C-alpha atoms as a PDB file:
ATOM      1  CA  MET A   1     208.890 113.373  -1.746  1.00  0.00           C
ATOM      2  CA  THR A   2     211.230 115.687  -3.571  1.00  0.00           C
ATOM      3  CA  ARG A   3     211.579 115.745  -7.326  1.00  0.00           C
ATOM      4  CA  LYS A   4     215.216 114.631  -7.106  1.00  0.00           C
ATOM      5  CA  LYS A   5     214.290 111.562  -5.058  1.00  0.00           C
ATOM      6  CA  GLN A   6     211.485 110.682  -7.489  1.00  0.00           C
ATOM      7  CA  ILE A   7     213.862 110.843 -10.446  1.00  0.00           C
ATOM      8  CA  SER A   8     216.421 108.702  -8.589  1.00  0.00           C
ATOM      9  CA  ILE A   9     213.769 106.070  -7.879  1.00  0.00           C
ATOM     10  CA  LEU A  10     212.669 106.209 -11.527  1.00  0.00           C
ATOM     11  CA  ILE A  11     216.253 105.685 -12.755  1.00  0.00           C
ATOM     12  CA  ILE A  12     216.741 102.696 -10.443  1.00  0.00           C
ATOM     13  CA  THR A  13     213.369 101.213 -11.426  1.00  0.00           C
ATOM     14  CA  ILE A  14     214.112 101.526 -15.139  1.00  0.00           C
ATOM     15  CA  TYR A  15     217.490  99.882 -14.577  1.00  0.00           C
ATOM     16  CA  PHE A  16     216.038  96.864 -12.771  1.00  0.00           C
ATOM     17  CA  ILE A  17     213.243  96.466 -15.321  1.00  0.00           C
ATOM     18  CA  SER A  18     215.787  96.497 -18.165  1.00  0.00           C
ATOM     19  CA  PHE A  19     218.016  94.063 -16.259  1.00  0.00           C
ATOM     20  CA  PHE A  20     215.104  91.670 -15.719  1.00  0.00           C
ATOM     21  CA  LEU A  21     214.006  91.936 -19.362  1.00  0.00           C
ATOM     22  CA  PHE A  22     217.545  91.240 -20.602  1.00  0.00           C
ATOM     23  CA  GLU A  23     217.693  88.157 -18.407  1.00  0.00           C
ATOM     24  CA  LEU A  24     214.208  87.067 -19.444  1.00  0.00           C
ATOM     25  CA  PHE A  25     214.457  87.520 -23.204  1.00  0.00           C
ATOM     26  CA  ILE A  26     218.163  86.966 -23.826  1.00  0.00           C
ATOM     27  CA  GLY A  27     218.989  84.550 -21.016  1.00  0.00           C
ATOM     28  CA  THR A  28     215.887  82.505 -20.314  1.00  0.00           C
ATOM     29  CA  ALA A  29     214.567  82.364 -23.863  1.00  0.00           C
ATOM     30  CA  ARG A  30     217.785  80.736 -25.023  1.00  0.00           C
ATOM     31  CA  THR A  31     218.300  78.384 -22.047  1.00  0.00           C
ATOM     32  CA  LEU A  32     216.309  75.431 -23.348  1.00  0.00           C
ATOM     33  CA  GLU A  33     217.912  75.727 -26.785  1.00  0.00           C
ATOM     34  CA  TYR A  34     221.400  75.855 -25.252  1.00  0.00           C
ATOM     35  CA  VAL A  35     220.782  72.855 -22.970  1.00  0.00           C
ATOM     36  CA  GLU A  36     219.465  70.797 -25.904  1.00  0.00           C
ATOM     37  CA  GLU A  37     222.553  71.802 -27.896  1.00  0.00           C
ATOM     38  CA  CYS A  38     224.817  70.628 -25.065  1.00  0.00           C
ATOM     39  CA  VAL A  39     222.965  67.306 -24.751  1.00  0.00           C
ATOM     40  CA  GLU A  40     223.263  66.672 -28.503  1.00  0.00           C
ATOM     41  CA  GLN A  41     226.993  67.327 -28.405  1.00  0.00           C
ATOM     42  CA  ASP A  42     227.360  65.254 -25.205  1.00  0.00           C
ATOM     43  CA  MET A  43     228.802  68.260 -23.333  1.00  0.00           C
ATOM     44  CA  PHE A  44     226.019  68.718 -20.761  1.00  0.00           C
ATOM     45  CA  ASN A  45     226.917  69.365 -17.152  1.00  0.00           C
ATOM     46  CA  VAL A  46     225.100  70.797 -14.158  1.00  0.00           C
ATOM     47  CA  LEU A  47     226.214  74.375 -14.870  1.00  0.00           C
ATOM     48  CA  ALA A  48     224.968  74.441 -18.479  1.00  0.00           C
ATOM     49  CA  PRO A  49     221.649  76.184 -17.601  1.00  0.00           C
ATOM     50  CA  LEU A  50     223.630  79.035 -15.989  1.00  0.00           C
ATOM     51  CA  VAL A  51     225.523  79.923 -19.159  1.00  0.00           C
ATOM     52  CA  THR A  52     222.721  81.899 -20.800  1.00  0.00           C
ATOM     53  CA  PRO A  53     221.931  84.090 -17.741  1.00  0.00           C
ATOM     54  CA  ILE A  54     225.623  84.914 -17.534  1.00  0.00           C
ATOM     55  CA  GLU A  55     225.647  85.725 -21.260  1.00  0.00           C
ATOM     56  CA  ALA A  56     222.630  88.015 -20.823  1.00  0.00           C
ATOM     57  CA  GLY A  57     224.355  89.639 -17.843  1.00  0.00           C
ATOM     58  CA  ILE A  58     227.423  90.315 -19.966  1.00  0.00           C
ATOM     59  CA  TRP A  59     225.299  91.990 -22.654  1.00  0.00           C
ATOM     60  CA  HIS A  60     223.500  94.075 -20.039  1.00  0.00           C
ATOM     61  CA  PHE A  61     226.847  94.961 -18.445  1.00  0.00           C
ATOM     62  CA  ILE A  62     228.103  96.215 -21.817  1.00  0.00           C
ATOM     63  CA  CYS A  63     224.971  98.313 -22.434  1.00  0.00           C
ATOM     64  CA  VAL A  64     224.952  99.803 -18.927  1.00  0.00           C
ATOM     65  CA  SER A  65     228.687 100.518 -19.125  1.00  0.00           C
ATOM     66  CA  MET A  66     228.145 102.426 -22.378  1.00  0.00           C
ATOM     67  CA  VAL A  67     225.393 104.484 -20.711  1.00  0.00           C
ATOM     68  CA  ALA A  68     227.715 105.206 -17.767  1.00  0.00           C
ATOM     69  CA  ILE A  69     230.502 106.300 -20.122  1.00  0.00           C
ATOM     70  CA  ILE A  70     228.114 108.560 -22.024  1.00  0.00           C
ATOM     71  CA  CYS A  71     226.920 110.072 -18.727  1.00  0.00           C
ATOM     72  CA  LYS A  72     230.532 110.885 -17.880  1.00  0.00           C
ATOM     73  CA  PHE A  73     230.661 113.344 -20.794  1.00  0.00           C
ATOM     74  CA  ILE A  74     227.234 114.967 -20.321  1.00  0.00           C
ATOM     75  CA  LYS A  75     227.768 117.850 -17.940  1.00  0.00           C
ATOM     76  CA  GLN A  76     224.061 118.641 -17.413  1.00  0.00           C
ATOM     77  CA  ILE A  77     223.402 115.439 -15.427  1.00  0.00           C
ATOM     78  CA  ASP A  78     223.344 115.959 -11.674  1.00  0.00           C
ATOM     79  CA  LYS A  79     226.170 114.363  -9.679  1.00  0.00           C
ATOM     80  CA  SER A  80     223.806 112.230  -7.569  1.00  0.00           C
ATOM     81  CA  TYR A  81     222.258 110.765 -10.738  1.00  0.00           C
ATOM     82  CA  ARG A  82     225.722 110.061 -12.109  1.00  0.00           C
ATOM     83  CA  ASN A  83     226.725 108.206  -8.957  1.00  0.00           C
ATOM     84  CA  ILE A  84     223.633 106.027  -9.256  1.00  0.00           C
ATOM     85  CA  ILE A  85     224.327 105.291 -12.921  1.00  0.00           C
ATOM     86  CA  TYR A  86     228.001 104.567 -12.241  1.00  0.00           C
ATOM     87  CA  ALA A  87     226.994 101.810  -9.776  1.00  0.00           C
ATOM     88  CA  PHE A  88     224.872  99.936 -12.334  1.00  0.00           C
ATOM     89  CA  PRO A  89     227.698  97.982 -14.065  1.00  0.00           C
ATOM     90  CA  ILE A  90     228.885  96.576 -10.725  1.00  0.00           C
ATOM     91  CA  ILE A  91     225.330  95.658  -9.725  1.00  0.00           C
ATOM     92  CA  THR A  92     224.872  93.907 -13.070  1.00  0.00           C
ATOM     93  CA  PHE A  93     228.109  91.997 -12.614  1.00  0.00           C
ATOM     94  CA  ILE A  94     227.196  90.849  -9.087  1.00  0.00           C
ATOM     95  CA  PHE A  95     223.509  90.033  -9.576  1.00  0.00           C
ATOM     96  CA  SER A  96     223.543  88.474 -13.041  1.00  0.00           C
ATOM     97  CA  ILE A  97     222.941  84.892 -11.895  1.00  0.00           C
ATOM     98  CA  PRO A  98     220.313  85.670  -9.194  1.00  0.00           C
ATOM     99  CA  VAL A  99     218.258  87.834 -11.559  1.00  0.00           C
ATOM    100  CA  GLY A 100     218.675  85.198 -14.275  1.00  0.00           C
ATOM    101  CA  LEU A 101     217.314  82.527 -11.940  1.00  0.00           C
ATOM    102  CA  LEU A 102     214.445  84.824 -11.000  1.00  0.00           C
ATOM    103  CA  ALA A 103     213.678  85.306 -14.698  1.00  0.00           C
ATOM    104  CA  MET A 104     213.753  81.531 -15.210  1.00  0.00           C
ATOM    105  CA  TYR A 105     211.294  80.990 -12.358  1.00  0.00           C
ATOM    106  CA  PHE A 106     209.093  83.744 -13.759  1.00  0.00           C
ATOM    107  CA  ALA A 107     209.110  82.172 -17.237  1.00  0.00           C
ATOM    108  CA  ASN A 108     208.501  78.724 -15.755  1.00  0.00           C
ATOM    109  CA  PHE A 109     205.548  80.010 -13.727  1.00  0.00           C
ATOM    110  CA  PHE A 110     203.869  81.441 -16.829  1.00  0.00           C
ATOM    111  CA  GLY A 111     204.962  78.553 -19.073  1.00  0.00           C
ATOM    112  CA  TRP A 112     206.960  80.731 -21.444  1.00  0.00           C
ATOM    113  CA  PHE A 113     209.809  79.539 -23.701  1.00  0.00           C
ATOM    114  CA  GLY A 114     208.951  75.865 -23.145  1.00  0.00           C
ATOM    115  CA  LEU A 115     210.227  75.774 -19.567  1.00  0.00           C
END
């Protein structure tokens, strides 16, 4: 495997690990608290547990977009790496809820955050 392919795989792996951790610690950790808040205020509905994964996805989208903008101005980064990094905000936008649900199942399996 070439060095360029290894670095591309490393970039993608780091992205998905950070995406999962954002969803786990920002989205899932706050889900139970948010649902209890909604029940207390009598505003609970079926979509209330999906609010925090979407919120975590928005924060990850902002962080990844800043990295993509910074990469635009660094001329030493190879074009293939830039194209990979430029795709990350769209991937975050599309897969925010599925990765958030995966993080919830992961936290539920290990009994974290009271789920």
